[in-house]
Amino acid sequence: MNLFFGTNSHNYDLKGRFQKSVKLSHGDYGFSLSFANGLLWVSEDGDYEEGMWYGYEVR
């Protein structure tokens, strides 16, 4: 599970134990936060236009 604040992602395991915090260089739209293909994905809000997605490898 991830909690997202600004450009910080706080990662927890399925039992709610804290794993790590990751500062992301791009992407600030928390509603877009997802995990797919081994990457953590977040976008920048396009303000009703096309936004930009960023994928991060979190180790």
PDB file of N, CA and C in Angstrom:
ATOM      1  N   MET A   1       0.847  -1.164   0.000  1.00  0.00           N
ATOM      2  CA  MET A   1       0.000   0.000   0.000  1.00  0.00           C
ATOM      3  C   MET A   1       0.895   1.231   0.000  1.00  0.00           C
ATOM      4  N   ASN A   2       0.434   2.264  -0.689  1.00  0.00           N
ATOM      5  CA  ASN A   2       1.175   3.517  -0.750  1.00  0.00           C
ATOM      6  C   ASN A   2       0.285   4.665  -0.315  1.00  0.00           C
ATOM      7  N   LEU A   3       0.851   5.572   0.456  1.00  0.00           N
ATOM      8  CA  LEU A   3       0.212   6.845   0.748  1.00  0.00           C
ATOM      9  C   LEU A   3       1.032   7.895   0.033  1.00  0.00           C
ATOM     10  N   PHE A   4       0.368   8.871  -0.533  1.00  0.00           N
ATOM     11  CA  PHE A   4       1.060   9.835  -1.378  1.00  0.00           C
ATOM     12  C   PHE A   4       0.755  11.244  -0.897  1.00  0.00           C
ATOM     13  N   PHE A   5       1.803  12.005  -0.600  1.00  0.00           N
ATOM     14  CA  PHE A   5       1.665  13.392  -0.166  1.00  0.00           C
ATOM     15  C   PHE A   5       2.627  14.241  -0.968  1.00  0.00           C
ATOM     16  N   GLY A   6       2.103  15.132  -1.800  1.00  0.00           N
ATOM     17  CA  GLY A   6       2.973  15.987  -2.612  1.00  0.00           C
ATOM     18  C   GLY A   6       3.800  15.141  -3.556  1.00  0.00           C
ATOM     19  N   THR A   7       5.088  15.066  -3.331  1.00  0.00           N
ATOM     20  CA  THR A   7       5.955  14.212  -4.146  1.00  0.00           C
ATOM     21  C   THR A   7       6.586  13.118  -3.305  1.00  0.00           C
ATOM     22  N   ASN A   8       5.992  12.779  -2.182  1.00  0.00           N
ATOM     23  CA  ASN A   8       6.501  11.711  -1.319  1.00  0.00           C
ATOM     24  C   ASN A   8       5.532  10.535  -1.302  1.00  0.00           C
ATOM     25  N   SER A   9       6.059   9.350  -1.520  1.00  0.00           N
ATOM     26  CA  SER A   9       5.273   8.130  -1.438  1.00  0.00           C
ATOM     27  C   SER A   9       5.733   7.373  -0.193  1.00  0.00           C
ATOM     28  N   HIS A  10       4.790   7.012   0.661  1.00  0.00           N
ATOM     29  CA  HIS A  10       5.091   6.255   1.875  1.00  0.00           C
ATOM     30  C   HIS A  10       4.550   4.844   1.683  1.00  0.00           C
ATOM     31  N   ASN A  11       5.432   3.872   1.699  1.00  0.00           N
ATOM     32  CA  ASN A  11       5.086   2.495   1.367  1.00  0.00           C
ATOM     33  C   ASN A  11       4.928   1.641   2.616  1.00  0.00           C
ATOM     34  N   TYR A  12       3.845   0.860   2.641  1.00  0.00           N
ATOM     35  CA  TYR A  12       3.524  -0.041   3.751  1.00  0.00           C
ATOM     36  C   TYR A  12       3.245  -1.435   3.210  1.00  0.00           C
ATOM     37  N   ASP A  13       3.501  -2.463   4.016  1.00  0.00           N
ATOM     38  CA  ASP A  13       3.138  -3.806   3.589  1.00  0.00           C
ATOM     39  C   ASP A  13       1.650  -4.038   3.843  1.00  0.00           C
ATOM     40  N   LEU A  14       1.147  -5.217   3.498  1.00  0.00           N
ATOM     41  CA  LEU A  14      -0.283  -5.494   3.618  1.00  0.00           C
ATOM     42  C   LEU A  14      -0.769  -5.576   5.061  1.00  0.00           C
ATOM     43  N   LYS A  15       0.144  -5.657   6.018  1.00  0.00           N
ATOM     44  CA  LYS A  15      -0.238  -5.662   7.426  1.00  0.00           C
ATOM     45  C   LYS A  15      -0.138  -4.272   8.042  1.00  0.00           C
ATOM     46  N   GLY A  16       0.157  -3.269   7.216  1.00  0.00           N
ATOM     47  CA  GLY A  16       0.215  -1.889   7.685  1.00  0.00           C
ATOM     48  C   GLY A  16       1.536  -1.482   8.295  1.00  0.00           C
ATOM     49  N   ARG A  17       2.567  -2.303   8.124  1.00  0.00           N
ATOM     50  CA  ARG A  17       3.884  -1.959   8.664  1.00  0.00           C
ATOM     51  C   ARG A  17       4.632  -1.081   7.664  1.00  0.00           C
ATOM     52  N   PHE A  18       5.207  -0.007   8.174  1.00  0.00           N
ATOM     53  CA  PHE A  18       5.965   0.923   7.340  1.00  0.00           C
ATOM     54  C   PHE A  18       7.139   0.215   6.685  1.00  0.00           C
ATOM     55  N   GLN A  19       7.346   0.449   5.384  1.00  0.00           N
ATOM     56  CA  GLN A  19       8.475  -0.109   4.648  1.00  0.00           C
ATOM     57  C   GLN A  19       9.524   0.965   4.338  1.00  0.00           C
ATOM     58  N   LYS A  20       9.102   2.028   3.644  1.00  0.00           N
ATOM     59  CA  LYS A  20      10.039   3.101   3.286  1.00  0.00           C
ATOM     60  C   LYS A  20       9.283   4.295   2.729  1.00  0.00           C
ATOM     61  N   SER A  21       9.962   5.418   2.689  1.00  0.00           N
ATOM     62  CA  SER A  21       9.456   6.621   2.022  1.00  0.00           C
ATOM     63  C   SER A  21      10.315   6.872   0.800  1.00  0.00           C
ATOM     64  N   VAL A  22       9.685   7.321  -0.251  1.00  0.00           N
ATOM     65  CA  VAL A  22      10.390   7.601  -1.497  1.00  0.00           C
ATOM     66  C   VAL A  22      10.002   8.995  -1.960  1.00  0.00           C
ATOM     67  N   LYS A  23      10.990   9.834  -2.236  1.00  0.00           N
ATOM     68  CA  LYS A  23      10.720  11.159  -2.786  1.00  0.00           C
ATOM     69  C   LYS A  23      10.753  11.045  -4.302  1.00  0.00           C
ATOM     70  N   LEU A  24       9.674  11.437  -4.944  1.00  0.00           N
ATOM     71  CA  LEU A  24       9.553  11.336  -6.393  1.00  0.00           C
ATOM     72  C   LEU A  24       9.896  12.676  -7.034  1.00  0.00           C
ATOM     73  N   SER A  25      10.649  12.636  -8.107  1.00  0.00           N
ATOM     74  CA  SER A  25      11.086  13.875  -8.753  1.00  0.00           C
ATOM     75  C   SER A  25      10.003  14.502  -9.624  1.00  0.00           C
ATOM     76  N   HIS A  26       9.046  13.709 -10.096  1.00  0.00           N
ATOM     77  CA  HIS A  26       7.950  14.210 -10.938  1.00  0.00           C
ATOM     78  C   HIS A  26       6.656  13.514 -10.543  1.00  0.00           C
ATOM     79  N   GLY A  27       5.553  14.147 -10.857  1.00  0.00           N
ATOM     80  CA  GLY A  27       4.247  13.575 -10.573  1.00  0.00           C
ATOM     81  C   GLY A  27       3.733  14.044  -9.236  1.00  0.00           C
ATOM     82  N   ASP A  28       2.553  14.650  -9.261  1.00  0.00           N
ATOM     83  CA  ASP A  28       2.010  15.206  -8.027  1.00  0.00           C
ATOM     84  C   ASP A  28       0.517  14.949  -7.869  1.00  0.00           C
ATOM     85  N   TYR A  29      -0.046  14.103  -8.724  1.00  0.00           N
ATOM     86  CA  TYR A  29      -1.483  13.869  -8.702  1.00  0.00           C
ATOM     87  C   TYR A  29      -1.759  12.541  -7.994  1.00  0.00           C
ATOM     88  N   GLY A  30      -2.019  12.632  -6.700  1.00  0.00           N
ATOM     89  CA  GLY A  30      -2.156  11.448  -5.854  1.00  0.00           C
ATOM     90  C   GLY A  30      -3.232  10.473  -6.281  1.00  0.00           C
ATOM     91  N   PHE A  31      -4.313  10.951  -6.895  1.00  0.00           N
ATOM     92  CA  PHE A  31      -5.381  10.058  -7.344  1.00  0.00           C
ATOM     93  C   PHE A  31      -4.906   9.115  -8.440  1.00  0.00           C
ATOM     94  N   SER A  32      -3.807   9.425  -9.099  1.00  0.00           N
ATOM     95  CA  SER A  32      -3.302   8.589 -10.190  1.00  0.00           C
ATOM     96  C   SER A  32      -2.352   7.489  -9.714  1.00  0.00           C
ATOM     97  N   LEU A  33      -1.974   7.501  -8.454  1.00  0.00           N
ATOM     98  CA  LEU A  33      -0.972   6.569  -7.947  1.00  0.00           C
ATOM     99  C   LEU A  33      -1.380   5.124  -8.188  1.00  0.00           C
ATOM    100  N   SER A  34      -0.498   4.355  -8.821  1.00  0.00           N
ATOM    101  CA  SER A  34      -0.784   2.946  -9.090  1.00  0.00           C
ATOM    102  C   SER A  34       0.528   2.172  -9.187  1.00  0.00           C
ATOM    103  N   PHE A  35       0.400   0.855  -9.164  1.00  0.00           N
ATOM    104  CA  PHE A  35       1.554  -0.030  -9.270  1.00  0.00           C
ATOM    105  C   PHE A  35       1.269  -1.034 -10.374  1.00  0.00           C
ATOM    106  N   ALA A  36       2.131  -1.090 -11.391  1.00  0.00           N
ATOM    107  CA  ALA A  36       1.956  -2.013 -12.511  1.00  0.00           C
ATOM    108  C   ALA A  36       3.301  -2.317 -13.133  1.00  0.00           C
ATOM    109  N   ASN A  37       3.458  -3.553 -13.594  1.00  0.00           N
ATOM    110  CA  ASN A  37       4.686  -3.982 -14.277  1.00  0.00           C
ATOM    111  C   ASN A  37       5.930  -3.714 -13.447  1.00  0.00           C
ATOM    112  N   GLY A  38       5.825  -3.835 -12.126  1.00  0.00           N
ATOM    113  CA  GLY A  38       6.963  -3.656 -11.239  1.00  0.00           C
ATOM    114  C   GLY A  38       7.356  -2.212 -11.008  1.00  0.00           C
ATOM    115  N   LEU A  39       6.534  -1.260 -11.460  1.00  0.00           N
ATOM    116  CA  LEU A  39       6.841   0.156 -11.295  1.00  0.00           C
ATOM    117  C   LEU A  39       5.733   0.859 -10.530  1.00  0.00           C
ATOM    118  N   LEU A  40       6.108   1.879  -9.793  1.00  0.00           N
ATOM    119  CA  LEU A  40       5.163   2.777  -9.148  1.00  0.00           C
ATOM    120  C   LEU A  40       4.899   3.915 -10.122  1.00  0.00           C
ATOM    121  N   TRP A  41       3.627   4.142 -10.458  1.00  0.00           N
ATOM    122  CA  TRP A  41       3.258   5.143 -11.454  1.00  0.00           C
ATOM    123  C   TRP A  41       2.495   6.290 -10.800  1.00  0.00           C
ATOM    124  N   VAL A  42       2.766   7.500 -11.252  1.00  0.00           N
ATOM    125  CA  VAL A  42       2.032   8.684 -10.816  1.00  0.00           C
ATOM    126  C   VAL A  42       2.049   9.680 -11.979  1.00  0.00           C
ATOM    127  N   SER A  43       1.022  10.516 -12.042  1.00  0.00           N
ATOM    128  CA  SER A  43       0.958  11.479 -13.138  1.00  0.00           C
ATOM    129  C   SER A  43       0.957  12.906 -12.595  1.00  0.00           C
ATOM    130  N   GLU A  44       1.146  13.830 -13.516  1.00  0.00           N
ATOM    131  CA  GLU A  44       0.921  15.237 -13.217  1.00  0.00           C
ATOM    132  C   GLU A  44      -0.441  15.584 -13.788  1.00  0.00           C
ATOM    133  N   ASP A  45      -1.216  16.323 -13.041  1.00  0.00           N
ATOM    134  CA  ASP A  45      -2.565  16.686 -13.451  1.00  0.00           C
ATOM    135  C   ASP A  45      -2.520  17.522 -14.721  1.00  0.00           C
ATOM    136  N   GLY A  46      -3.284  17.108 -15.710  1.00  0.00           N
ATOM    137  CA  GLY A  46      -3.335  17.835 -16.972  1.00  0.00           C
ATOM    138  C   GLY A  46      -4.358  18.950 -16.983  1.00  0.00           C
ATOM    139  N   ASP A  47      -5.056  19.193 -15.867  1.00  0.00           N
ATOM    140  CA  ASP A  47      -6.058  20.244 -15.770  1.00  0.00           C
ATOM    141  C   ASP A  47      -7.032  20.159 -16.946  1.00  0.00           C
ATOM    142  N   TYR A  48      -7.678  19.010 -17.067  1.00  0.00           N
ATOM    143  CA  TYR A  48      -8.651  18.703 -18.119  1.00  0.00           C
ATOM    144  C   TYR A  48      -8.006  18.560 -19.491  1.00  0.00           C
ATOM    145  N   GLU A  49      -6.724  18.476 -19.534  1.00  0.00           N
ATOM    146  CA  GLU A  49      -5.980  18.217 -20.771  1.00  0.00           C
ATOM    147  C   GLU A  49      -5.211  16.913 -20.569  1.00  0.00           C
ATOM    148  N   GLU A  50      -4.399  16.544 -21.521  1.00  0.00           N
ATOM    149  CA  GLU A  50      -3.569  15.343 -21.411  1.00  0.00           C
ATOM    150  C   GLU A  50      -2.468  15.583 -20.386  1.00  0.00           C
ATOM    151  N   GLY A  51      -2.345  14.666 -19.419  1.00  0.00           N
ATOM    152  CA  GLY A  51      -1.306  14.775 -18.394  1.00  0.00           C
ATOM    153  C   GLY A  51      -0.069  13.980 -18.788  1.00  0.00           C
ATOM    154  N   MET A  52       0.878  13.884 -17.893  1.00  0.00           N
ATOM    155  CA  MET A  52       2.115  13.135 -18.128  1.00  0.00           C
ATOM    156  C   MET A  52       2.263  12.097 -17.032  1.00  0.00           C
ATOM    157  N   TRP A  53       2.571  10.845 -17.413  1.00  0.00           N
ATOM    158  CA  TRP A  53       2.765   9.757 -16.455  1.00  0.00           C
ATOM    159  C   TRP A  53       4.261   9.516 -16.252  1.00  0.00           C
ATOM    160  N   TYR A  54       4.612   9.152 -14.997  1.00  0.00           N
ATOM    161  CA  TYR A  54       5.996   8.846 -14.641  1.00  0.00           C
ATOM    162  C   TYR A  54       6.019   7.497 -13.923  1.00  0.00           C
ATOM    163  N   GLY A  55       6.942   6.633 -14.318  1.00  0.00           N
ATOM    164  CA  GLY A  55       7.098   5.340 -13.676  1.00  0.00           C
ATOM    165  C   GLY A  55       8.401   5.291 -12.900  1.00  0.00           C
ATOM    166  N   TYR A  56       8.335   4.774 -11.672  1.00  0.00           N
ATOM    167  CA  TYR A  56       9.511   4.706 -10.802  1.00  0.00           C
ATOM    168  C   TYR A  56       9.743   3.273 -10.361  1.00  0.00           C
ATOM    169  N   GLU A  57      10.985   2.849 -10.427  1.00  0.00           N
ATOM    170  CA  GLU A  57      11.377   1.559  -9.883  1.00  0.00           C
ATOM    171  C   GLU A  57      11.704   1.766  -8.415  1.00  0.00           C
ATOM    172  N   VAL A  58      10.915   1.152  -7.542  1.00  0.00           N
ATOM    173  CA  VAL A  58      11.102   1.303  -6.102  1.00  0.00           C
ATOM    174  C   VAL A  58      11.704   0.022  -5.556  1.00  0.00           C
ATOM    175  N   ARG A  59      12.851   0.112  -4.946  1.00  0.00           N
ATOM    176  CA  ARG A  59      13.540  -1.071  -4.408  1.00  0.00           C
ATOM    177  C   ARG A  59      13.509  -1.077  -2.927  1.00  0.00           C
TER     178      ARG A  59
END
